[in-house]
PDB file of N, CA and C in Angstrom:
ATOM      1  N   UNK A   1      25.924 -14.562  26.916  1.00  0.00           N
ATOM      2  CA  UNK A   1      26.479 -13.469  27.797  1.00  0.00           C
ATOM      3  C   UNK A   1      27.692 -12.096  27.221  1.00  0.00           C
ATOM      4  N   UNK A   2      27.670 -11.334  27.436  1.00  0.00           N
ATOM      5  CA  UNK A   2      28.475 -10.194  26.889  1.00  0.00           C
ATOM      6  C   UNK A   2      29.826 -10.104  27.498  1.00  0.00           C
ATOM      7  N   UNK A   3      30.877  -9.227  26.928  1.00  0.00           N
ATOM      8  CA  UNK A   3      31.947  -9.588  27.679  1.00  0.00           C
ATOM      9  C   UNK A   3      31.772  -8.797  28.890  1.00  0.00           C
ATOM     10  N   UNK A   4      31.639  -7.860  29.393  1.00  0.00           N
ATOM     11  CA  UNK A   4      30.787  -6.850  30.455  1.00  0.00           C
ATOM     12  C   UNK A   4      30.998  -8.458  31.743  1.00  0.00           C
ATOM     13  N   UNK A   5      29.827  -9.085  30.974  1.00  0.00           N
ATOM     14  CA  UNK A   5      29.124  -9.815  32.054  1.00  0.00           C
ATOM     15  C   UNK A   5      29.822 -11.263  32.412  1.00  0.00           C
ATOM     16  N   UNK A   6      31.109 -11.351  31.252  1.00  0.00           N
ATOM     17  CA  UNK A   6      31.974 -12.893  31.373  1.00  0.00           C
ATOM     18  C   UNK A   6      32.845 -11.883  32.611  1.00  0.00           C
ATOM     19  N   UNK A   7      33.481 -11.098  32.498  1.00  0.00           N
ATOM     20  CA  UNK A   7      34.005 -10.121  33.765  1.00  0.00           C
ATOM     21  C   UNK A   7      33.531  -9.710  35.104  1.00  0.00           C
ATOM     22  N   UNK A   8      32.503  -9.634  34.776  1.00  0.00           N
ATOM     23  CA  UNK A   8      31.365  -9.748  36.426  1.00  0.00           C
ATOM     24  C   UNK A   8      31.396 -11.024  36.905  1.00  0.00           C
ATOM     25  N   UNK A   9      31.136 -12.160  35.952  1.00  0.00           N
ATOM     26  CA  UNK A   9      30.799 -13.296  36.486  1.00  0.00           C
ATOM     27  C   UNK A   9      32.050 -14.104  37.179  1.00  0.00           C
ATOM     28  N   UNK A  10      33.574 -13.372  36.484  1.00  0.00           N
ATOM     29  CA  UNK A  10      34.722 -14.003  36.789  1.00  0.00           C
ATOM     30  C   UNK A  10      35.365 -13.285  38.043  1.00  0.00           C
ATOM     31  N   UNK A  11      34.964 -11.676  38.285  1.00  0.00           N
ATOM     32  CA  UNK A  11      35.098 -10.882  39.261  1.00  0.00           C
ATOM     33  C   UNK A  11      34.210 -11.874  40.766  1.00  0.00           C
ATOM     34  N   UNK A  12      33.022 -12.603  40.218  1.00  0.00           N
ATOM     35  CA  UNK A  12      32.248 -12.995  41.648  1.00  0.00           C
ATOM     36  C   UNK A  12      33.216 -14.280  42.118  1.00  0.00           C
ATOM     37  N   UNK A  13      33.719 -15.100  41.111  1.00  0.00           N
ATOM     38  CA  UNK A  13      34.264 -16.169  41.356  1.00  0.00           C
ATOM     39  C   UNK A  13      35.469 -16.145  41.835  1.00  0.00           C
ATOM     40  N   UNK A  14      36.131 -14.865  41.967  1.00  0.00           N
ATOM     41  CA  UNK A  14      37.747 -14.936  42.011  1.00  0.00           C
ATOM     42  C   UNK A  14      37.321 -13.441  42.846  1.00  0.00           C
ATOM     43  N   UNK A  15      37.105 -13.165  43.963  1.00  0.00           N
ATOM     44  CA  UNK A  15      37.185 -11.741  44.948  1.00  0.00           C
ATOM     45  C   UNK A  15      38.750 -11.770  45.045  1.00  0.00           C
ATOM     46  N   UNK A  16      39.732 -12.595  44.799  1.00  0.00           N
ATOM     47  CA  UNK A  16      41.164 -11.810  45.582  1.00  0.00           C
ATOM     48  C   UNK A  16      41.611 -11.014  44.264  1.00  0.00           C
ATOM     49  N   UNK A  17      40.763 -11.144  42.979  1.00  0.00           N
ATOM     50  CA  UNK A  17      41.577  -9.994  41.982  1.00  0.00           C
ATOM     51  C   UNK A  17      41.169  -8.971  41.653  1.00  0.00           C
ATOM     52  N   UNK A  18      41.771  -8.138  41.417  1.00  0.00           N
ATOM     53  CA  UNK A  18      40.962  -6.686  41.084  1.00  0.00           C
ATOM     54  C   UNK A  18      40.050  -7.150  39.622  1.00  0.00           C
ATOM     55  N   UNK A  19      38.776  -6.070  39.463  1.00  0.00           N
ATOM     56  CA  UNK A  19      38.329  -6.491  38.022  1.00  0.00           C
ATOM     57  C   UNK A  19      39.317  -5.789  37.046  1.00  0.00           C
ATOM     58  N   UNK A  20      39.755  -4.658  37.786  1.00  0.00           N
ATOM     59  CA  UNK A  20      40.608  -4.279  36.388  1.00  0.00           C
ATOM     60  C   UNK A  20      41.753  -4.839  35.852  1.00  0.00           C
ATOM     61  N   UNK A  21      42.203  -6.200  36.867  1.00  0.00           N
ATOM     62  CA  UNK A  21      43.075  -7.400  36.230  1.00  0.00           C
ATOM     63  C   UNK A  21      42.428  -8.331  35.011  1.00  0.00           C
ATOM     64  N   UNK A  22      40.980  -8.540  36.034  1.00  0.00           N
ATOM     65  CA  UNK A  22      40.508  -9.919  35.106  1.00  0.00           C
ATOM     66  C   UNK A  22      39.971  -9.214  33.629  1.00  0.00           C
ATOM     67  N   UNK A  23      39.857  -7.725  33.773  1.00  0.00           N
ATOM     68  CA  UNK A  23      39.595  -6.870  32.715  1.00  0.00           C
ATOM     69  C   UNK A  23      40.623  -7.207  31.356  1.00  0.00           C
ATOM     70  N   UNK A  24      41.539  -6.579  32.257  1.00  0.00           N
ATOM     71  CA  UNK A  24      43.110  -6.955  31.015  1.00  0.00           C
ATOM     72  C   UNK A  24      43.384  -8.388  30.476  1.00  0.00           C
ATOM     73  N   UNK A  25      43.340  -9.547  31.543  1.00  0.00           N
ATOM     74  CA  UNK A  25      43.352 -10.974  31.175  1.00  0.00           C
ATOM     75  C   UNK A  25      42.122 -11.409  30.245  1.00  0.00           C
ATOM     76  N   UNK A  26      41.264 -10.997  30.037  1.00  0.00           N
ATOM     77  CA  UNK A  26      40.107 -10.819  29.334  1.00  0.00           C
ATOM     78  C   UNK A  26      40.705 -10.206  27.676  1.00  0.00           C
ATOM     79  N   UNK A  27      40.774  -9.289  28.195  1.00  0.00           N
ATOM     80  CA  UNK A  27      41.043  -8.383  26.716  1.00  0.00           C
ATOM     81  C   UNK A  27      42.222  -8.891  26.150  1.00  0.00           C
ATOM     82  N   UNK A  28      43.552  -9.642  26.661  1.00  0.00           N
ATOM     83  CA  UNK A  28      44.716  -9.764  26.247  1.00  0.00           C
ATOM     84  C   UNK A  28      44.345 -11.595  25.784  1.00  0.00           C
ATOM     85  N   UNK A  29      43.670 -12.328  26.456  1.00  0.00           N
ATOM     86  CA  UNK A  29      43.135 -13.607  25.714  1.00  0.00           C
ATOM     87  C   UNK A  29      42.409 -13.120  24.536  1.00  0.00           C
ATOM     88  N   UNK A  30      41.375 -12.761  24.174  1.00  0.00           N
ATOM     89  CA  UNK A  30      40.916 -12.363  23.148  1.00  0.00           C
ATOM     90  C   UNK A  30      41.743 -11.698  21.760  1.00  0.00           C
ATOM     91  N   UNK A  31      42.759 -10.554  22.288  1.00  0.00           N
ATOM     92  CA  UNK A  31      43.723 -10.179  21.126  1.00  0.00           C
ATOM     93  C   UNK A  31      44.730 -11.028  21.193  1.00  0.00           C
ATOM     94  N   UNK A  32      45.158 -11.854  21.611  1.00  0.00           N
ATOM     95  CA  UNK A  32      45.728 -12.703  21.290  1.00  0.00           C
ATOM     96  C   UNK A  32      45.339 -13.898  20.484  1.00  0.00           C
ATOM     97  N   UNK A  33      44.174 -14.456  20.586  1.00  0.00           N
ATOM     98  CA  UNK A  33      43.058 -14.728  19.546  1.00  0.00           C
ATOM     99  C   UNK A  33      42.872 -14.045  18.202  1.00  0.00           C
ATOM    100  N   UNK A  34      42.536 -13.165  18.555  1.00  0.00           N
ATOM    101  CA  UNK A  34      42.605 -12.642  17.238  1.00  0.00           C
ATOM    102  C   UNK A  34      43.764 -12.234  15.952  1.00  0.00           C
ATOM    103  N   UNK A  35      44.850 -12.097  17.225  1.00  0.00           N
ATOM    104  CA  UNK A  35      46.338 -12.184  16.390  1.00  0.00           C
ATOM    105  C   UNK A  35      46.641 -13.132  15.800  1.00  0.00           C
ATOM    106  N   UNK A  36      46.184 -14.546  16.676  1.00  0.00           N
ATOM    107  CA  UNK A  36      46.629 -15.399  15.551  1.00  0.00           C
ATOM    108  C   UNK A  36      45.851 -15.917  14.118  1.00  0.00           C
ATOM    109  N   UNK A  37      44.638 -15.715  14.551  1.00  0.00           N
ATOM    110  CA  UNK A  37      43.618 -15.626  13.537  1.00  0.00           C
ATOM    111  C   UNK A  37      44.021 -14.702  12.134  1.00  0.00           C
ATOM    112  N   UNK A  38      44.645 -13.486  12.658  1.00  0.00           N
ATOM    113  CA  UNK A  38      45.089 -12.698  11.362  1.00  0.00           C
ATOM    114  C   UNK A  38      46.294 -13.054  11.023  1.00  0.00           C
ATOM    115  N   UNK A  39      47.438 -13.547  11.628  1.00  0.00           N
ATOM    116  CA  UNK A  39      48.286 -14.653  11.109  1.00  0.00           C
ATOM    117  C   UNK A  39      47.971 -15.316  10.150  1.00  0.00           C
ATOM    118  N   UNK A  40      46.740 -16.318  10.414  1.00  0.00           N
ATOM    119  CA  UNK A  40      46.204 -17.246   9.481  1.00  0.00           C
ATOM    120  C   UNK A  40      46.508 -18.547  10.708  1.00  0.00           C
ATOM    121  N   UNK A  41      46.892 -18.523  12.097  1.00  0.00           N
ATOM    122  CA  UNK A  41      46.735 -19.798  12.712  1.00  0.00           C
ATOM    123  C   UNK A  41      45.409 -19.859  13.179  1.00  0.00           C
ATOM    124  N   UNK A  42      45.950 -21.131  13.650  1.00  0.00           N
ATOM    125  CA  UNK A  42      44.382 -22.085  14.146  1.00  0.00           C
ATOM    126  C   UNK A  42      44.674 -22.009  15.803  1.00  0.00           C
ATOM    127  N   UNK A  43      43.927 -21.484  16.863  1.00  0.00           N
ATOM    128  CA  UNK A  43      43.713 -21.424  17.927  1.00  0.00           C
ATOM    129  C   UNK A  43      42.735 -22.652  18.517  1.00  0.00           C
ATOM    130  N   UNK A  44      43.416 -23.846  19.131  1.00  0.00           N
ATOM    131  CA  UNK A  44      42.663 -25.214  19.648  1.00  0.00           C
ATOM    132  C   UNK A  44      42.558 -24.659  21.195  1.00  0.00           C
ATOM    133  N   UNK A  45      41.758 -24.864  22.011  1.00  0.00           N
ATOM    134  CA  UNK A  45      40.912 -24.627  23.302  1.00  0.00           C
ATOM    135  C   UNK A  45      40.371 -25.953  23.699  1.00  0.00           C
ATOM    136  N   UNK A  46      41.608 -26.944  24.119  1.00  0.00           N
ATOM    137  CA  UNK A  46      41.063 -28.336  24.202  1.00  0.00           C
ATOM    138  C   UNK A  46      39.875 -28.443  25.027  1.00  0.00           C
ATOM    139  N   UNK A  47      38.776 -29.325  24.507  1.00  0.00           N
ATOM    140  CA  UNK A  47      37.513 -28.927  25.197  1.00  0.00           C
ATOM    141  C   UNK A  47      36.565 -28.268  24.946  1.00  0.00           C
ATOM    142  N   UNK A  48      36.770 -27.203  24.639  1.00  0.00           N
ATOM    143  CA  UNK A  48      36.272 -26.097  24.350  1.00  0.00           C
ATOM    144  C   UNK A  48      36.116 -25.973  23.008  1.00  0.00           C
ATOM    145  N   UNK A  49      36.861 -25.583  21.981  1.00  0.00           N
ATOM    146  CA  UNK A  49      36.620 -25.527  20.488  1.00  0.00           C
ATOM    147  C   UNK A  49      38.230 -25.270  20.133  1.00  0.00           C
ATOM    148  N   UNK A  50      38.088 -24.933  18.274  1.00  0.00           N
ATOM    149  CA  UNK A  50      38.979 -24.277  17.900  1.00  0.00           C
ATOM    150  C   UNK A  50      38.526 -23.415  16.703  1.00  0.00           C
ATOM    151  N   UNK A  51      39.544 -22.481  16.744  1.00  0.00           N
ATOM    152  CA  UNK A  51      39.232 -21.116  16.049  1.00  0.00           C
ATOM    153  C   UNK A  51      40.042 -21.206  14.542  1.00  0.00           C
ATOM    154  N   UNK A  52      39.361 -21.069  13.609  1.00  0.00           N
ATOM    155  CA  UNK A  52      40.358 -21.264  12.411  1.00  0.00           C
ATOM    156  C   UNK A  52      39.796 -19.904  11.246  1.00  0.00           C
ATOM    157  N   UNK A  53      40.499 -19.921  10.256  1.00  0.00           N
ATOM    158  CA  UNK A  53      40.375 -18.971   9.038  1.00  0.00           C
ATOM    159  C   UNK A  53      40.206 -19.627   8.395  1.00  0.00           C
ATOM    160  N   UNK A  54      38.949 -19.220   7.493  1.00  0.00           N
ATOM    161  CA  UNK A  54      38.597 -19.947   5.574  1.00  0.00           C
ATOM    162  C   UNK A  54      38.568 -18.986   5.473  1.00  0.00           C
ATOM    163  N   UNK A  55      38.880 -19.727   3.443  1.00  0.00           N
ATOM    164  CA  UNK A  55      39.139 -18.097   2.575  1.00  0.00           C
ATOM    165  C   UNK A  55      37.536 -18.276   1.804  1.00  0.00           C
ATOM    166  N   UNK A  56      36.587 -17.677   2.041  1.00  0.00           N
ATOM    167  CA  UNK A  56      35.392 -17.540   1.169  1.00  0.00           C
ATOM    168  C   UNK A  56      35.709 -17.343  -0.937  1.00  0.00           C
ATOM    169  N   UNK A  57      35.763 -17.493  -1.636  1.00  0.00           N
ATOM    170  CA  UNK A  57      36.045 -17.201  -2.887  1.00  0.00           C
ATOM    171  C   UNK A  57      35.773 -15.749  -3.188  1.00  0.00           C
ATOM    172  N   UNK A  58      36.094 -15.338  -4.219  1.00  0.00           N
ATOM    173  CA  UNK A  58      35.199 -14.404  -4.857  1.00  0.00           C
ATOM    174  C   UNK A  58      34.147 -14.517  -5.655  1.00  0.00           C
ATOM    175  N   UNK A  59      32.708 -14.009  -5.802  1.00  0.00           N
ATOM    176  CA  UNK A  59      31.941 -14.662  -6.671  1.00  0.00           C
ATOM    177  C   UNK A  59      31.054 -13.481  -6.863  1.00  0.00           C
ATOM    178  N   UNK A  60      30.013 -13.888  -8.276  1.00  0.00           N
ATOM    179  CA  UNK A  60      29.481 -12.783  -8.187  1.00  0.00           C
ATOM    180  C   UNK A  60      28.022 -12.666  -7.519  1.00  0.00           C
ATOM    181  N   UNK A  61      27.371 -11.937  -7.189  1.00  0.00           N
ATOM    182  CA  UNK A  61      26.320 -11.661  -6.373  1.00  0.00           C
ATOM    183  C   UNK A  61      25.017 -10.848  -6.882  1.00  0.00           C
ATOM    184  N   UNK A  62      24.152 -10.450  -6.017  1.00  0.00           N
ATOM    185  CA  UNK A  62      22.842  -9.831  -6.639  1.00  0.00           C
ATOM    186  C   UNK A  62      22.801  -9.246  -5.762  1.00  0.00           C
ATOM    187  N   UNK A  63      22.346  -7.974  -5.946  1.00  0.00           N
ATOM    188  CA  UNK A  63      21.684  -6.788  -5.024  1.00  0.00           C
ATOM    189  C   UNK A  63      20.407  -7.389  -5.117  1.00  0.00           C
ATOM    190  N   UNK A  64      19.828  -7.257  -3.726  1.00  0.00           N
ATOM    191  CA  UNK A  64      18.218  -7.744  -3.690  1.00  0.00           C
ATOM    192  C   UNK A  64      17.414  -6.469  -3.948  1.00  0.00           C
ATOM    193  N   UNK A  65      18.018  -5.690  -3.940  1.00  0.00           N
ATOM    194  CA  UNK A  65      16.849  -4.560  -4.428  1.00  0.00           C
ATOM    195  C   UNK A  65      16.451  -4.345  -5.640  1.00  0.00           C
ATOM    196  N   UNK A  66      17.903  -4.307  -6.512  1.00  0.00           N
ATOM    197  CA  UNK A  66      17.978  -4.076  -7.606  1.00  0.00           C
ATOM    198  C   UNK A  66      17.732  -5.161  -8.649  1.00  0.00           C
ATOM    199  N   UNK A  67      18.589  -6.297  -8.297  1.00  0.00           N
ATOM    200  CA  UNK A  67      18.424  -7.556  -8.502  1.00  0.00           C
ATOM    201  C   UNK A  67      19.791  -7.431  -9.745  1.00  0.00           C
ATOM    202  N   UNK A  68      20.794  -6.489  -9.606  1.00  0.00           N
ATOM    203  CA  UNK A  68      21.981  -6.273 -10.339  1.00  0.00           C
ATOM    204  C   UNK A  68      23.101  -7.037 -10.503  1.00  0.00           C
ATOM    205  N   UNK A  69      24.019  -7.469 -10.635  1.00  0.00           N
ATOM    206  CA  UNK A  69      24.637  -8.131 -10.371  1.00  0.00           C
ATOM    207  C   UNK A  69      26.014  -7.300  -9.595  1.00  0.00           C
ATOM    208  N   UNK A  70      26.729  -7.992  -8.740  1.00  0.00           N
ATOM    209  CA  UNK A  70      27.428  -7.428  -7.917  1.00  0.00           C
ATOM    210  C   UNK A  70      28.251  -7.974  -7.492  1.00  0.00           C
ATOM    211  N   UNK A  71      29.773  -7.782  -7.806  1.00  0.00           N
ATOM    212  CA  UNK A  71      31.192  -8.766  -7.619  1.00  0.00           C
ATOM    213  C   UNK A  71      31.427  -8.801  -5.985  1.00  0.00           C
ATOM    214  N   UNK A  72      31.341  -9.520  -5.226  1.00  0.00           N
ATOM    215  CA  UNK A  72      31.816  -9.805  -4.008  1.00  0.00           C
ATOM    216  C   UNK A  72      33.197 -10.448  -4.132  1.00  0.00           C
ATOM    217  N   UNK A  73      34.123  -9.645  -3.657  1.00  0.00           N
ATOM    218  CA  UNK A  73      35.501  -9.927  -3.648  1.00  0.00           C
ATOM    219  C   UNK A  73      36.074 -11.274  -2.475  1.00  0.00           C
ATOM    220  N   UNK A  74      37.196 -11.718  -2.912  1.00  0.00           N
ATOM    221  CA  UNK A  74      37.464 -13.046  -1.661  1.00  0.00           C
ATOM    222  C   UNK A  74      37.839 -12.074  -0.665  1.00  0.00           C
ATOM    223  N   UNK A  75      37.371 -12.903   0.702  1.00  0.00           N
ATOM    224  CA  UNK A  75      37.941 -12.738   1.998  1.00  0.00           C
ATOM    225  C   UNK A  75      37.732 -13.913   3.303  1.00  0.00           C
ATOM    226  N   UNK A  76      38.375 -13.411   3.906  1.00  0.00           N
ATOM    227  CA  UNK A  76      38.639 -14.499   5.299  1.00  0.00           C
ATOM    228  C   UNK A  76      37.921 -14.255   6.196  1.00  0.00           C
ATOM    229  N   UNK A  77      37.317 -15.376   6.746  1.00  0.00           N
ATOM    230  CA  UNK A  77      36.220 -15.252   7.664  1.00  0.00           C
ATOM    231  C   UNK A  77      36.583 -16.329   8.909  1.00  0.00           C
ATOM    232  N   UNK A  78      36.363 -15.907  10.109  1.00  0.00           N
ATOM    233  CA  UNK A  78      36.132 -16.927  11.025  1.00  0.00           C
ATOM    234  C   UNK A  78      35.249 -18.018  11.415  1.00  0.00           C
ATOM    235  N   UNK A  79      35.840 -19.424  11.725  1.00  0.00           N
ATOM    236  CA  UNK A  79      35.394 -20.183  12.203  1.00  0.00           C
ATOM    237  C   UNK A  79      35.549 -20.802  13.404  1.00  0.00           C
ATOM    238  N   UNK A  80      33.997 -21.465  14.051  1.00  0.00           N
ATOM    239  CA  UNK A  80      34.645 -21.950  15.047  1.00  0.00           C
ATOM    240  C   UNK A  80      33.700 -23.518  15.261  1.00  0.00           C
ATOM    241  N   UNK A  81      34.573 -24.285  15.652  1.00  0.00           N
ATOM    242  CA  UNK A  81      34.123 -25.786  15.755  1.00  0.00           C
ATOM    243  C   UNK A  81      34.199 -26.206  17.230  1.00  0.00           C
ATOM    244  N   UNK A  82      33.190 -26.802  17.509  1.00  0.00           N
ATOM    245  CA  UNK A  82      33.130 -27.003  19.078  1.00  0.00           C
ATOM    246  C   UNK A  82      33.964 -28.053  19.958  1.00  0.00           C
ATOM    247  N   UNK A  83      34.392 -28.113  20.382  1.00  0.00           N
ATOM    248  CA  UNK A  83      35.232 -29.571  20.991  1.00  0.00           C
ATOM    249  C   UNK A  83      34.125 -30.575  21.306  1.00  0.00           C
ATOM    250  N   UNK A  84      34.935 -31.272  21.543  1.00  0.00           N
ATOM    251  CA  UNK A  84      33.787 -32.842  21.816  1.00  0.00           C
ATOM    252  C   UNK A  84      33.352 -32.582  23.565  1.00  0.00           C
ATOM    253  N   UNK A  85      33.866 -32.441  24.387  1.00  0.00           N
ATOM    254  CA  UNK A  85      33.420 -32.021  26.348  1.00  0.00           C
ATOM    255  C   UNK A  85      32.384 -30.745  25.987  1.00  0.00           C
ATOM    256  N   UNK A  86      32.396 -29.957  25.235  1.00  0.00           N
ATOM    257  CA  UNK A  86      31.704 -28.680  25.297  1.00  0.00           C
ATOM    258  C   UNK A  86      30.182 -29.214  24.432  1.00  0.00           C
ATOM    259  N   UNK A  87      30.267 -29.809  23.478  1.00  0.00           N
ATOM    260  CA  UNK A  87      29.529 -30.788  22.737  1.00  0.00           C
ATOM    261  C   UNK A  87      28.681 -31.907  23.893  1.00  0.00           C
ATOM    262  N   UNK A  88      29.214 -32.809  24.476  1.00  0.00           N
ATOM    263  CA  UNK A  88      28.889 -33.893  25.389  1.00  0.00           C
ATOM    264  C   UNK A  88      28.301 -32.679  26.590  1.00  0.00           C
ATOM    265  N   UNK A  89      28.384 -31.337  26.427  1.00  0.00           N
ATOM    266  CA  UNK A  89      28.251 -31.209  28.279  1.00  0.00           C
ATOM    267  C   UNK A  89      26.838 -29.986  27.932  1.00  0.00           C
ATOM    268  N   UNK A  90      26.845 -29.895  26.336  1.00  0.00           N
ATOM    269  CA  UNK A  90      25.605 -29.006  26.259  1.00  0.00           C
ATOM    270  C   UNK A  90      24.471 -30.338  25.795  1.00  0.00           C
ATOM    271  N   UNK A  91      24.744 -31.500  25.474  1.00  0.00           N
ATOM    272  CA  UNK A  91      23.970 -32.394  25.230  1.00  0.00           C
ATOM    273  C   UNK A  91      23.472 -33.628  26.526  1.00  0.00           C
ATOM    274  N   UNK A  92      23.648 -33.061  27.556  1.00  0.00           N
ATOM    275  CA  UNK A  92      23.865 -34.240  28.414  1.00  0.00           C
ATOM    276  C   UNK A  92      22.355 -35.052  28.652  1.00  0.00           C
ATOM    277  N   UNK A  93      21.451 -34.411  28.612  1.00  0.00           N
ATOM    278  CA  UNK A  93      20.376 -35.484  28.889  1.00  0.00           C
ATOM    279  C   UNK A  93      19.669 -35.779  27.351  1.00  0.00           C
ATOM    280  N   UNK A  94      20.842 -35.277  26.119  1.00  0.00           N
ATOM    281  CA  UNK A  94      20.101 -35.745  24.863  1.00  0.00           C
ATOM    282  C   UNK A  94      19.154 -34.610  24.554  1.00  0.00           C
ATOM    283  N   UNK A  95      18.947 -33.724  25.034  1.00  0.00           N
ATOM    284  CA  UNK A  95      18.241 -32.573  24.277  1.00  0.00           C
ATOM    285  C   UNK A  95      19.168 -31.488  24.346  1.00  0.00           C
ATOM    286  N   UNK A  96      18.885 -30.514  23.319  1.00  0.00           N
ATOM    287  CA  UNK A  96      19.331 -29.200  22.948  1.00  0.00           C
ATOM    288  C   UNK A  96      18.736 -28.182  24.183  1.00  0.00           C
ATOM    289  N   UNK A  97      19.883 -27.650  24.590  1.00  0.00           N
ATOM    290  CA  UNK A  97      19.282 -26.219  25.304  1.00  0.00           C
ATOM    291  C   UNK A  97      18.133 -25.243  24.707  1.00  0.00           C
ATOM    292  N   UNK A  98      16.982 -24.900  25.627  1.00  0.00           N
ATOM    293  CA  UNK A  98      16.216 -24.074  24.970  1.00  0.00           C
ATOM    294  C   UNK A  98      16.527 -22.794  25.043  1.00  0.00           C
ATOM    295  N   UNK A  99      16.585 -21.733  24.004  1.00  0.00           N
ATOM    296  CA  UNK A  99      17.331 -20.317  24.261  1.00  0.00           C
ATOM    297  C   UNK A  99      15.847 -19.382  24.085  1.00  0.00           C
TER     298      UNK A  99
END
C-alpha cells in the first residue's frame, strides 16, 4: 500500500473528513515518527510494532565490479519490530499470507 492508497482508504472509511485533512494527519504522523527517530528516540505503537534506530559500525567493504576495498562509514539505520498483535493477526490460521 502506498501513502496515497492509505489516504484514499482512510477517506473512504471517514466520509465526514476532508481528504486534505486526512493527508495532513498522515503527513504529521509520519513526520513525528521521523523526527523522533532522528533524535534517537524509540517509537512504539502498541499492537503494531516499534521503530528504533541502530548504528552500523564502519567497515571495509568491496566494490563488486572491481573487487577493490572501499571504506564504508558508520551509519544509523531504522529498524522495525512487529508487535505481538500484528504477528498474531498475520498468522491467524498458522499460515503466512501469500504475496
